[in-house]
Amino acid sequence: MAQTIWIQRLDNTQKSQAEGMDFVCVHLHQRMDQVGKLTKEKGWNLVPNATEKDGTAHKAVCCDSCAKNYKEGSVRLAKEPVHA
């Protein structure tokens, strides 16, 4: 069974820091909240077709851990901030 990868939507100003991706994994989002910007210290993996179980695809940036565990259909959208 694949590990669930929680992603959160970025606002327009944050998208410019994320190389045009619309979403970021909760680990990178948490770090962004701590330092005020996206950083590459936990890894930087572009996943342009991160898919949910229903096939919906999202452009996301994931940390090394999430990228390693990513399997098609393992992404879920966080409606509210998820504390990693």
PDB file of N, CA and C in Angstrom:
ATOM      1  N   MET A   1       0.837  -1.187   0.000  1.00  0.00           N
ATOM      2  CA  MET A   1       0.000   0.000   0.000  1.00  0.00           C
ATOM      3  C   MET A   1       0.881   1.249   0.000  1.00  0.00           C
ATOM      4  N   ALA A   2       0.562   2.175  -0.850  1.00  0.00           N
ATOM      5  CA  ALA A   2       1.363   3.396  -0.988  1.00  0.00           C
ATOM      6  C   ALA A   2       1.109   4.347   0.177  1.00  0.00           C
ATOM      7  N   GLN A   3       2.150   5.065   0.525  1.00  0.00           N
ATOM      8  CA  GLN A   3       2.039   6.087   1.559  1.00  0.00           C
ATOM      9  C   GLN A   3       1.308   7.289   0.976  1.00  0.00           C
ATOM     10  N   THR A   4       0.392   7.874   1.737  1.00  0.00           N
ATOM     11  CA  THR A   4      -0.326   9.061   1.280  1.00  0.00           C
ATOM     12  C   THR A   4       0.601  10.270   1.332  1.00  0.00           C
ATOM     13  N   ILE A   5       0.634  11.021   0.252  1.00  0.00           N
ATOM     14  CA  ILE A   5       1.418  12.249   0.162  1.00  0.00           C
ATOM     15  C   ILE A   5       0.432  13.413   0.237  1.00  0.00           C
ATOM     16  N   TRP A   6       0.490  14.175   1.305  1.00  0.00           N
ATOM     17  CA  TRP A   6      -0.402  15.329   1.459  1.00  0.00           C
ATOM     18  C   TRP A   6       0.246  16.542   0.823  1.00  0.00           C
ATOM     19  N   ILE A   7      -0.508  17.240  -0.029  1.00  0.00           N
ATOM     20  CA  ILE A   7      -0.011  18.454  -0.673  1.00  0.00           C
ATOM     21  C   ILE A   7      -0.954  19.608  -0.378  1.00  0.00           C
ATOM     22  N   GLN A   8      -0.375  20.816  -0.390  1.00  0.00           N
ATOM     23  CA  GLN A   8      -1.152  22.025  -0.147  1.00  0.00           C
ATOM     24  C   GLN A   8      -0.948  22.998  -1.299  1.00  0.00           C
ATOM     25  N   ARG A   9      -2.010  23.721  -1.617  1.00  0.00           N
ATOM     26  CA  ARG A   9      -1.972  24.706  -2.712  1.00  0.00           C
ATOM     27  C   ARG A   9      -1.100  25.892  -2.307  1.00  0.00           C
ATOM     28  N   LEU A  10      -0.347  26.383  -3.259  1.00  0.00           N
ATOM     29  CA  LEU A  10       0.460  27.584  -3.069  1.00  0.00           C
ATOM     30  C   LEU A  10      -0.295  28.793  -3.596  1.00  0.00           C
ATOM     31  N   ASP A  11      -0.080  29.946  -2.954  1.00  0.00           N
ATOM     32  CA  ASP A  11      -0.695  31.150  -3.512  1.00  0.00           C
ATOM     33  C   ASP A  11       0.193  31.652  -4.651  1.00  0.00           C
ATOM     34  N   ASN A  12      -0.274  32.635  -5.370  1.00  0.00           N
ATOM     35  CA  ASN A  12       0.425  33.085  -6.585  1.00  0.00           C
ATOM     36  C   ASN A  12       1.852  33.550  -6.322  1.00  0.00           C
ATOM     37  N   THR A  13       2.102  34.226  -5.204  1.00  0.00           N
ATOM     38  CA  THR A  13       3.463  34.685  -4.919  1.00  0.00           C
ATOM     39  C   THR A  13       4.383  33.507  -4.600  1.00  0.00           C
ATOM     40  N   GLN A  14       3.859  32.474  -3.978  1.00  0.00           N
ATOM     41  CA  GLN A  14       4.667  31.305  -3.642  1.00  0.00           C
ATOM     42  C   GLN A  14       4.977  30.453  -4.867  1.00  0.00           C
ATOM     43  N   LYS A  15       4.085  30.473  -5.869  1.00  0.00           N
ATOM     44  CA  LYS A  15       4.303  29.682  -7.080  1.00  0.00           C
ATOM     45  C   LYS A  15       5.589  30.083  -7.790  1.00  0.00           C
ATOM     46  N   SER A  16       5.944  31.354  -7.733  1.00  0.00           N
ATOM     47  CA  SER A  16       7.178  31.801  -8.392  1.00  0.00           C
ATOM     48  C   SER A  16       8.406  31.187  -7.727  1.00  0.00           C
ATOM     49  N   GLN A  17       8.318  30.870  -6.442  1.00  0.00           N
ATOM     50  CA  GLN A  17       9.416  30.217  -5.731  1.00  0.00           C
ATOM     51  C   GLN A  17       9.460  28.718  -6.018  1.00  0.00           C
ATOM     52  N   ALA A  18       8.364  28.171  -6.537  1.00  0.00           N
ATOM     53  CA  ALA A  18       8.227  26.724  -6.727  1.00  0.00           C
ATOM     54  C   ALA A  18       8.332  26.317  -8.196  1.00  0.00           C
ATOM     55  N   GLU A  19       9.027  27.110  -8.977  1.00  0.00           N
ATOM     56  CA  GLU A  19       9.250  26.800 -10.390  1.00  0.00           C
ATOM     57  C   GLU A  19       7.951  26.537 -11.150  1.00  0.00           C
ATOM     58  N   GLY A  20       6.893  27.306 -10.788  1.00  0.00           N
ATOM     59  CA  GLY A  20       5.626  27.214 -11.501  1.00  0.00           C
ATOM     60  C   GLY A  20       4.703  26.095 -11.048  1.00  0.00           C
ATOM     61  N   MET A  21       5.115  25.305 -10.080  1.00  0.00           N
ATOM     62  CA  MET A  21       4.247  24.244  -9.569  1.00  0.00           C
ATOM     63  C   MET A  21       3.142  24.875  -8.722  1.00  0.00           C
ATOM     64  N   ASP A  22       1.983  24.229  -8.672  1.00  0.00           N
ATOM     65  CA  ASP A  22       0.827  24.778  -7.961  1.00  0.00           C
ATOM     66  C   ASP A  22       0.705  24.290  -6.520  1.00  0.00           C
ATOM     67  N   PHE A  23       1.352  23.167  -6.215  1.00  0.00           N
ATOM     68  CA  PHE A  23       1.226  22.552  -4.895  1.00  0.00           C
ATOM     69  C   PHE A  23       2.598  22.180  -4.350  1.00  0.00           C
ATOM     70  N   VAL A  24       2.664  21.982  -3.040  1.00  0.00           N
ATOM     71  CA  VAL A  24       3.898  21.582  -2.373  1.00  0.00           C
ATOM     72  C   VAL A  24       3.539  20.574  -1.285  1.00  0.00           C
ATOM     73  N   CYS A  25       4.417  19.606  -1.038  1.00  0.00           N
ATOM     74  CA  CYS A  25       4.137  18.618   0.014  1.00  0.00           C
ATOM     75  C   CYS A  25       4.134  19.316   1.379  1.00  0.00           C
ATOM     76  N   VAL A  26       3.508  18.684   2.352  1.00  0.00           N
ATOM     77  CA  VAL A  26       3.370  19.322   3.663  1.00  0.00           C
ATOM     78  C   VAL A  26       4.709  19.570   4.341  1.00  0.00           C
ATOM     79  N   HIS A  27       5.709  18.754   4.057  1.00  0.00           N
ATOM     80  CA  HIS A  27       7.015  18.952   4.693  1.00  0.00           C
ATOM     81  C   HIS A  27       7.667  20.239   4.206  1.00  0.00           C
ATOM     82  N   LEU A  28       7.620  20.484   2.894  1.00  0.00           N
ATOM     83  CA  LEU A  28       8.169  21.729   2.367  1.00  0.00           C
ATOM     84  C   LEU A  28       7.305  22.923   2.776  1.00  0.00           C
ATOM     85  N   HIS A  29       5.997  22.715   2.851  1.00  0.00           N
ATOM     86  CA  HIS A  29       5.098  23.799   3.271  1.00  0.00           C
ATOM     87  C   HIS A  29       5.369  24.183   4.721  1.00  0.00           C
ATOM     88  N   GLN A  30       5.595  23.177   5.565  1.00  0.00           N
ATOM     89  CA  GLN A  30       5.900  23.441   6.969  1.00  0.00           C
ATOM     90  C   GLN A  30       7.202  24.231   7.090  1.00  0.00           C
ATOM     91  N   ARG A  31       8.201  23.835   6.329  1.00  0.00           N
ATOM     92  CA  ARG A  31       9.481  24.551   6.366  1.00  0.00           C
ATOM     93  C   ARG A  31       9.313  25.975   5.841  1.00  0.00           C
ATOM     94  N   MET A  32       8.482  26.155   4.828  1.00  0.00           N
ATOM     95  CA  MET A  32       8.211  27.484   4.295  1.00  0.00           C
ATOM     96  C   MET A  32       7.580  28.363   5.376  1.00  0.00           C
ATOM     97  N   ASP A  33       6.673  27.793   6.163  1.00  0.00           N
ATOM     98  CA  ASP A  33       6.057  28.549   7.248  1.00  0.00           C
ATOM     99  C   ASP A  33       7.092  28.957   8.297  1.00  0.00           C
ATOM    100  N   GLN A  34       8.084  28.101   8.530  1.00  0.00           N
ATOM    101  CA  GLN A  34       9.100  28.382   9.540  1.00  0.00           C
ATOM    102  C   GLN A  34      10.079  29.469   9.111  1.00  0.00           C
ATOM    103  N   VAL A  35      10.506  29.442   7.855  1.00  0.00           N
ATOM    104  CA  VAL A  35      11.544  30.384   7.406  1.00  0.00           C
ATOM    105  C   VAL A  35      11.021  31.503   6.508  1.00  0.00           C
ATOM    106  N   GLY A  36       9.762  31.420   6.098  1.00  0.00           N
ATOM    107  CA  GLY A  36       9.166  32.485   5.303  1.00  0.00           C
ATOM    108  C   GLY A  36       9.326  32.354   3.798  1.00  0.00           C
ATOM    109  N   LYS A  37       9.974  31.281   3.346  1.00  0.00           N
ATOM    110  CA  LYS A  37      10.114  31.056   1.912  1.00  0.00           C
ATOM    111  C   LYS A  37      10.369  29.578   1.676  1.00  0.00           C
ATOM    112  N   LEU A  38      10.169  29.150   0.436  1.00  0.00           N
ATOM    113  CA  LEU A  38      10.468  27.758   0.088  1.00  0.00           C
ATOM    114  C   LEU A  38      11.972  27.568   0.053  1.00  0.00           C
ATOM    115  N   THR A  39      12.438  26.478   0.621  1.00  0.00           N
ATOM    116  CA  THR A  39      13.867  26.166   0.590  1.00  0.00           C
ATOM    117  C   THR A  39      14.063  24.762   0.031  1.00  0.00           C
ATOM    118  N   LYS A  40      15.251  24.501  -0.446  1.00  0.00           N
ATOM    119  CA  LYS A  40      15.551  23.208  -1.040  1.00  0.00           C
ATOM    120  C   LYS A  40      16.304  22.294  -0.081  1.00  0.00           C
ATOM    121  N   GLU A  41      16.359  22.649   1.199  1.00  0.00           N
ATOM    122  CA  GLU A  41      17.167  21.878   2.142  1.00  0.00           C
ATOM    123  C   GLU A  41      16.626  20.482   2.440  1.00  0.00           C
ATOM    124  N   LYS A  42      15.324  20.245   2.279  1.00  0.00           N
ATOM    125  CA  LYS A  42      14.767  18.909   2.486  1.00  0.00           C
ATOM    126  C   LYS A  42      14.633  18.151   1.174  1.00  0.00           C
ATOM    127  N   GLY A  43      15.197  18.702   0.134  1.00  0.00           N
ATOM    128  CA  GLY A  43      15.084  18.100  -1.193  1.00  0.00           C
ATOM    129  C   GLY A  43      14.173  18.940  -2.063  1.00  0.00           C
ATOM    130  N   TRP A  44      14.257  18.718  -3.348  1.00  0.00           N
ATOM    131  CA  TRP A  44      13.473  19.515  -4.303  1.00  0.00           C
ATOM    132  C   TRP A  44      13.183  18.641  -5.502  1.00  0.00           C
ATOM    133  N   ASN A  45      11.982  18.090  -5.541  1.00  0.00           N
ATOM    134  CA  ASN A  45      11.617  17.146  -6.581  1.00  0.00           C
ATOM    135  C   ASN A  45      10.331  17.602  -7.254  1.00  0.00           C
ATOM    136  N   LEU A  46      10.435  17.958  -8.528  1.00  0.00           N
ATOM    137  CA  LEU A  46       9.262  18.385  -9.280  1.00  0.00           C
ATOM    138  C   LEU A  46       8.490  17.147  -9.724  1.00  0.00           C
ATOM    139  N   VAL A  47       7.200  17.138  -9.406  1.00  0.00           N
ATOM    140  CA  VAL A  47       6.317  16.042  -9.817  1.00  0.00           C
ATOM    141  C   VAL A  47       5.184  16.692 -10.607  1.00  0.00           C
ATOM    142  N   PRO A  48       5.379  16.868 -11.919  1.00  0.00           N
ATOM    143  CA  PRO A  48       4.405  17.622 -12.715  1.00  0.00           C
ATOM    144  C   PRO A  48       3.063  16.918 -12.900  1.00  0.00           C
ATOM    145  N   ASN A  49       2.982  15.632 -12.625  1.00  0.00           N
ATOM    146  CA  ASN A  49       1.723  14.888 -12.750  1.00  0.00           C
ATOM    147  C   ASN A  49       1.455  14.062 -11.507  1.00  0.00           C
ATOM    148  N   ALA A  50       1.463  14.710 -10.344  1.00  0.00           N
ATOM    149  CA  ALA A  50       1.159  14.015  -9.093  1.00  0.00           C
ATOM    150  C   ALA A  50      -0.335  13.699  -9.089  1.00  0.00           C
ATOM    151  N   THR A  51      -0.680  12.427  -9.046  1.00  0.00           N
ATOM    152  CA  THR A  51      -2.086  12.046  -9.215  1.00  0.00           C
ATOM    153  C   THR A  51      -2.740  11.563  -7.926  1.00  0.00           C
ATOM    154  N   GLU A  52      -4.025  11.909  -7.843  1.00  0.00           N
ATOM    155  CA  GLU A  52      -4.873  11.404  -6.767  1.00  0.00           C
ATOM    156  C   GLU A  52      -5.437  10.052  -7.193  1.00  0.00           C
ATOM    157  N   LYS A  53      -6.113   9.394  -6.271  1.00  0.00           N
ATOM    158  CA  LYS A  53      -6.696   8.080  -6.543  1.00  0.00           C
ATOM    159  C   LYS A  53      -7.680   8.127  -7.701  1.00  0.00           C
ATOM    160  N   ASP A  54      -8.417   9.254  -7.842  1.00  0.00           N
ATOM    161  CA  ASP A  54      -9.413   9.375  -8.913  1.00  0.00           C
ATOM    162  C   ASP A  54      -8.801   9.785 -10.259  1.00  0.00           C
ATOM    163  N   GLY A  55      -7.470   9.962 -10.299  1.00  0.00           N
ATOM    164  CA  GLY A  55      -6.796  10.310 -11.544  1.00  0.00           C
ATOM    165  C   GLY A  55      -6.530  11.792 -11.737  1.00  0.00           C
ATOM    166  N   THR A  56      -7.059  12.641 -10.861  1.00  0.00           N
ATOM    167  CA  THR A  56      -6.811  14.078 -10.951  1.00  0.00           C
ATOM    168  C   THR A  56      -5.320  14.347 -10.757  1.00  0.00           C
ATOM    169  N   ALA A  57      -4.737  15.108 -11.676  1.00  0.00           N
ATOM    170  CA  ALA A  57      -3.299  15.383 -11.620  1.00  0.00           C
ATOM    171  C   ALA A  57      -3.032  16.812 -11.160  1.00  0.00           C
ATOM    172  N   HIS A  58      -1.932  16.984 -10.437  1.00  0.00           N
ATOM    173  CA  HIS A  58      -1.517  18.291  -9.918  1.00  0.00           C
ATOM    174  C   HIS A  58      -0.033  18.475 -10.170  1.00  0.00           C
ATOM    175  N   LYS A  59       0.384  19.724 -10.351  1.00  0.00           N
ATOM    176  CA  LYS A  59       1.808  20.044 -10.476  1.00  0.00           C
ATOM    177  C   LYS A  59       2.324  20.342  -9.074  1.00  0.00           C
ATOM    178  N   ALA A  60       3.245  19.499  -8.583  1.00  0.00           N
ATOM    179  CA  ALA A  60       3.687  19.624  -7.195  1.00  0.00           C
ATOM    180  C   ALA A  60       5.198  19.557  -7.057  1.00  0.00           C
ATOM    181  N   VAL A  61       5.673  20.149  -5.975  1.00  0.00           N
ATOM    182  CA  VAL A  61       7.061  20.020  -5.551  1.00  0.00           C
ATOM    183  C   VAL A  61       7.036  19.188  -4.281  1.00  0.00           C
ATOM    184  N   CYS A  62       7.886  18.161  -4.217  1.00  0.00           N
ATOM    185  CA  CYS A  62       7.927  17.278  -3.049  1.00  0.00           C
ATOM    186  C   CYS A  62       9.331  17.218  -2.469  1.00  0.00           C
ATOM    187  N   CYS A  63       9.410  16.993  -1.156  1.00  0.00           N
ATOM    188  CA  CYS A  63      10.699  16.774  -0.517  1.00  0.00           C
ATOM    189  C   CYS A  63      11.224  15.396  -0.932  1.00  0.00           C
ATOM    190  N   ASP A  64      12.450  15.087  -0.557  1.00  0.00           N
ATOM    191  CA  ASP A  64      13.046  13.806  -0.940  1.00  0.00           C
ATOM    192  C   ASP A  64      12.245  12.621  -0.412  1.00  0.00           C
ATOM    193  N   SER A  65      11.763  12.717   0.819  1.00  0.00           N
ATOM    194  CA  SER A  65      11.007  11.617   1.425  1.00  0.00           C
ATOM    195  C   SER A  65       9.704  11.355   0.673  1.00  0.00           C
ATOM    196  N   CYS A  66       8.953  12.407   0.390  1.00  0.00           N
ATOM    197  CA  CYS A  66       7.685  12.243  -0.337  1.00  0.00           C
ATOM    198  C   CYS A  66       7.919  11.754  -1.759  1.00  0.00           C
ATOM    199  N   ALA A  67       8.953  12.270  -2.418  1.00  0.00           N
ATOM    200  CA  ALA A  67       9.249  11.849  -3.784  1.00  0.00           C
ATOM    201  C   ALA A  67       9.628  10.372  -3.821  1.00  0.00           C
ATOM    202  N   LYS A  68      10.375   9.930  -2.831  1.00  0.00           N
ATOM    203  CA  LYS A  68      10.789   8.530  -2.766  1.00  0.00           C
ATOM    204  C   LYS A  68       9.585   7.608  -2.583  1.00  0.00           C
ATOM    205  N   ASN A  69       8.604   8.057  -1.802  1.00  0.00           N
ATOM    206  CA  ASN A  69       7.431   7.238  -1.501  1.00  0.00           C
ATOM    207  C   ASN A  69       6.271   7.438  -2.470  1.00  0.00           C
ATOM    208  N   TYR A  70       6.417   8.360  -3.422  1.00  0.00           N
ATOM    209  CA  TYR A  70       5.321   8.654  -4.340  1.00  0.00           C
ATOM    210  C   TYR A  70       5.030   7.470  -5.263  1.00  0.00           C
ATOM    211  N   LYS A  71       3.772   7.137  -5.347  1.00  0.00           N
ATOM    212  CA  LYS A  71       3.260   6.165  -6.316  1.00  0.00           C
ATOM    213  C   LYS A  71       2.036   6.816  -6.950  1.00  0.00           C
ATOM    214  N   GLU A  72       1.750   6.494  -8.183  1.00  0.00           N
ATOM    215  CA  GLU A  72       0.590   7.063  -8.853  1.00  0.00           C
ATOM    216  C   GLU A  72      -0.662   6.820  -8.016  1.00  0.00           C
ATOM    217  N   GLY A  73      -1.415   7.891  -7.776  1.00  0.00           N
ATOM    218  CA  GLY A  73      -2.652   7.792  -7.013  1.00  0.00           C
ATOM    219  C   GLY A  73      -2.492   7.987  -5.518  1.00  0.00           C
ATOM    220  N   SER A  74      -1.266   8.317  -5.053  1.00  0.00           N
ATOM    221  CA  SER A  74      -1.037   8.424  -3.614  1.00  0.00           C
ATOM    222  C   SER A  74      -1.152   9.845  -3.068  1.00  0.00           C
ATOM    223  N   VAL A  75      -1.489  10.817  -3.918  1.00  0.00           N
ATOM    224  CA  VAL A  75      -1.561  12.218  -3.492  1.00  0.00           C
ATOM    225  C   VAL A  75      -2.964  12.551  -2.979  1.00  0.00           C
ATOM    226  N   ARG A  76      -3.008  13.339  -1.913  1.00  0.00           N
ATOM    227  CA  ARG A  76      -4.268  13.858  -1.374  1.00  0.00           C
ATOM    228  C   ARG A  76      -4.096  15.354  -1.141  1.00  0.00           C
ATOM    229  N   LEU A  77      -5.152  16.116  -1.402  1.00  0.00           N
ATOM    230  CA  LEU A  77      -5.121  17.558  -1.156  1.00  0.00           C
ATOM    231  C   LEU A  77      -5.489  17.832   0.290  1.00  0.00           C
ATOM    232  N   ALA A  78      -4.694  18.651   0.936  1.00  0.00           N
ATOM    233  CA  ALA A  78      -4.988  19.069   2.302  1.00  0.00           C
ATOM    234  C   ALA A  78      -5.918  20.278   2.240  1.00  0.00           C
ATOM    235  N   LYS A  79      -7.083  20.177   2.839  1.00  0.00           N
ATOM    236  CA  LYS A  79      -8.043  21.281   2.847  1.00  0.00           C
ATOM    237  C   LYS A  79      -7.588  22.375   3.807  1.00  0.00           C
ATOM    238  N   GLU A  80      -6.924  21.980   4.883  1.00  0.00           N
ATOM    239  CA  GLU A  80      -6.391  22.890   5.877  1.00  0.00           C
ATOM    240  C   GLU A  80      -4.933  22.503   6.085  1.00  0.00           C
ATOM    241  N   PRO A  81      -4.139  23.388   6.709  1.00  0.00           N
ATOM    242  CA  PRO A  81      -2.739  23.037   6.958  1.00  0.00           C
ATOM    243  C   PRO A  81      -2.614  21.720   7.714  1.00  0.00           C
ATOM    244  N   VAL A  82      -1.718  20.881   7.246  1.00  0.00           N
ATOM    245  CA  VAL A  82      -1.427  19.609   7.899  1.00  0.00           C
ATOM    246  C   VAL A  82      -0.077  19.742   8.550  1.00  0.00           C
ATOM    247  N   HIS A  83       0.004  19.467   9.838  1.00  0.00           N
ATOM    248  CA  HIS A  83       1.268  19.570  10.541  1.00  0.00           C
ATOM    249  C   HIS A  83       2.027  18.273  10.414  1.00  0.00           C
ATOM    250  N   ALA A  84       3.165  18.343   9.755  1.00  0.00           N
ATOM    251  CA  ALA A  84       3.956  17.143   9.475  1.00  0.00           C
ATOM    252  C   ALA A  84       4.690  16.653  10.706  1.00  0.00           C
TER     253      ALA A  84
END
